[in-house]
Amino acid sequence: MEFERSVIQERVAARLKAAKARGVRLGRPPMLAQHRAQVAHLVAEGTGVRSIARLLKISVGSAFKLVIEIKRDAAPAKPEE
């Protein structure tokens, strides 16, 4: 019984390692991407982060994360000196 369990654990570990090597993304898919367009629109209108969270029924932390990403992507790149 113990030997069989260790063999199974080794096989699972090997398959996970192979999947990661192939670039397979493991775990739950990110859910914030579905709100990105709506958040971008609300940010452009000047809506506050807490109001965005309330309107879209997402956590304030998630709303902040999306707003930061949107503002970072919209900001012009600074030239390097």
C-alpha atoms as a PDB file:
ATOM      1  CA  MET A   1       0.000   0.000   0.000  1.00  0.00           C
ATOM      2  CA  GLU A   2       2.742   2.456   0.949  1.00  0.00           C
ATOM      3  CA  PHE A   3       4.819   1.541  -2.109  1.00  0.00           C
ATOM      4  CA  GLU A   4       1.851   2.037  -4.426  1.00  0.00           C
ATOM      5  CA  ARG A   5       1.160   5.449  -2.932  1.00  0.00           C
ATOM      6  CA  SER A   6       4.768   6.557  -3.430  1.00  0.00           C
ATOM      7  CA  VAL A   7       4.696   5.339  -7.054  1.00  0.00           C
ATOM      8  CA  ILE A   8       1.508   7.319  -7.683  1.00  0.00           C
ATOM      9  CA  GLN A   9       3.025  10.434  -6.077  1.00  0.00           C
ATOM     10  CA  GLU A  10       6.106  10.140  -8.279  1.00  0.00           C
ATOM     11  CA  ARG A  11       3.982   9.785 -11.422  1.00  0.00           C
ATOM     12  CA  VAL A  12       1.831  12.786 -10.526  1.00  0.00           C
ATOM     13  CA  ALA A  13       4.902  14.890  -9.771  1.00  0.00           C
ATOM     14  CA  ALA A  14       6.495  13.864 -13.072  1.00  0.00           C
ATOM     15  CA  ARG A  15       3.338  14.758 -15.028  1.00  0.00           C
ATOM     16  CA  LEU A  16       3.048  18.136 -13.313  1.00  0.00           C
ATOM     17  CA  LYS A  17       6.688  18.884 -14.077  1.00  0.00           C
ATOM     18  CA  ALA A  18       6.192  17.873 -17.727  1.00  0.00           C
ATOM     19  CA  ALA A  19       3.068  20.043 -17.987  1.00  0.00           C
ATOM     20  CA  LYS A  20       4.914  23.061 -16.589  1.00  0.00           C
ATOM     21  CA  ALA A  21       7.768  22.435 -19.034  1.00  0.00           C
ATOM     22  CA  ARG A  22       5.227  22.533 -21.893  1.00  0.00           C
ATOM     23  CA  GLY A  23       3.925  25.841 -20.579  1.00  0.00           C
ATOM     24  CA  VAL A  24       0.582  24.559 -19.372  1.00  0.00           C
ATOM     25  CA  ARG A  25      -0.943  26.911 -16.837  1.00  0.00           C
ATOM     26  CA  LEU A  26      -2.083  25.046 -13.756  1.00  0.00           C
ATOM     27  CA  GLY A  27      -4.745  26.073 -11.276  1.00  0.00           C
ATOM     28  CA  ARG A  28      -7.864  28.136 -11.423  1.00  0.00           C
ATOM     29  CA  PRO A  29      -8.100  30.537 -14.381  1.00  0.00           C
ATOM     30  CA  PRO A  30      -7.889  34.238 -13.497  1.00  0.00           C
ATOM     31  CA  MET A  31     -11.303  35.842 -13.270  1.00  0.00           C
ATOM     32  CA  LEU A  32     -10.259  39.499 -13.335  1.00  0.00           C
ATOM     33  CA  ALA A  33      -9.752  39.557 -17.102  1.00  0.00           C
ATOM     34  CA  GLN A  34     -13.501  39.463 -17.685  1.00  0.00           C
ATOM     35  CA  HIS A  35     -13.905  42.790 -15.846  1.00  0.00           C
ATOM     36  CA  ARG A  36     -10.963  44.620 -17.447  1.00  0.00           C
ATOM     37  CA  ALA A  37     -12.935  46.433 -20.185  1.00  0.00           C
ATOM     38  CA  GLN A  38     -15.637  47.570 -17.778  1.00  0.00           C
ATOM     39  CA  VAL A  39     -13.074  48.789 -15.251  1.00  0.00           C
ATOM     40  CA  ALA A  40     -11.165  50.665 -17.979  1.00  0.00           C
ATOM     41  CA  HIS A  41     -14.382  52.392 -19.046  1.00  0.00           C
ATOM     42  CA  LEU A  42     -15.276  53.348 -15.466  1.00  0.00           C
ATOM     43  CA  VAL A  43     -11.747  54.625 -14.776  1.00  0.00           C
ATOM     44  CA  ALA A  44     -11.943  56.787 -17.918  1.00  0.00           C
ATOM     45  CA  GLU A  45     -15.192  58.251 -16.589  1.00  0.00           C
ATOM     46  CA  GLY A  46     -13.457  59.097 -13.311  1.00  0.00           C
ATOM     47  CA  THR A  47     -15.229  56.554 -11.126  1.00  0.00           C
ATOM     48  CA  GLY A  48     -13.475  55.741  -7.858  1.00  0.00           C
ATOM     49  CA  VAL A  49     -12.020  52.326  -7.138  1.00  0.00           C
ATOM     50  CA  ARG A  50     -14.436  51.518  -4.313  1.00  0.00           C
ATOM     51  CA  SER A  51     -17.387  52.485  -6.482  1.00  0.00           C
ATOM     52  CA  ILE A  52     -16.065  50.281  -9.281  1.00  0.00           C
ATOM     53  CA  ALA A  53     -15.811  47.377  -6.853  1.00  0.00           C
ATOM     54  CA  ARG A  54     -19.361  47.939  -5.665  1.00  0.00           C
ATOM     55  CA  LEU A  55     -20.781  48.289  -9.193  1.00  0.00           C
ATOM     56  CA  LEU A  56     -19.068  45.152 -10.525  1.00  0.00           C
ATOM     57  CA  LYS A  57     -19.505  43.184  -7.300  1.00  0.00           C
ATOM     58  CA  ILE A  58     -15.802  42.402  -6.984  1.00  0.00           C
ATOM     59  CA  SER A  59     -13.498  42.908  -4.032  1.00  0.00           C
ATOM     60  CA  VAL A  60     -11.866  46.293  -3.498  1.00  0.00           C
ATOM     61  CA  GLY A  61      -8.458  44.610  -3.742  1.00  0.00           C
ATOM     62  CA  SER A  62      -9.310  43.154  -7.137  1.00  0.00           C
ATOM     63  CA  ALA A  63     -10.591  46.513  -8.324  1.00  0.00           C
ATOM     64  CA  PHE A  64      -7.377  48.220  -7.183  1.00  0.00           C
ATOM     65  CA  LYS A  65      -5.319  45.566  -8.944  1.00  0.00           C
ATOM     66  CA  LEU A  66      -7.174  46.110 -12.220  1.00  0.00           C
ATOM     67  CA  VAL A  67      -7.022  49.904 -11.971  1.00  0.00           C
ATOM     68  CA  ILE A  68      -3.265  49.800 -11.360  1.00  0.00           C
ATOM     69  CA  GLU A  69      -2.775  47.489 -14.365  1.00  0.00           C
ATOM     70  CA  ILE A  70      -4.923  49.705 -16.596  1.00  0.00           C
ATOM     71  CA  LYS A  71      -3.137  52.898 -15.551  1.00  0.00           C
ATOM     72  CA  ARG A  72       0.273  51.242 -15.979  1.00  0.00           C
ATOM     73  CA  ASP A  73      -0.630  50.061 -19.485  1.00  0.00           C
ATOM     74  CA  ALA A  74      -2.032  53.474 -20.451  1.00  0.00           C
ATOM     75  CA  ALA A  75       0.961  55.472 -19.174  1.00  0.00           C
ATOM     76  CA  PRO A  76       3.457  56.500 -21.859  1.00  0.00           C
ATOM     77  CA  ALA A  77       6.842  54.825 -21.596  1.00  0.00           C
ATOM     78  CA  LYS A  78       9.550  57.020 -20.104  1.00  0.00           C
ATOM     79  CA  PRO A  79      12.626  57.387 -22.298  1.00  0.00           C
ATOM     80  CA  GLU A  80      15.745  55.915 -20.764  1.00  0.00           C
ATOM     81  CA  GLU A  81      18.635  58.254 -20.141  1.00  0.00           C
END
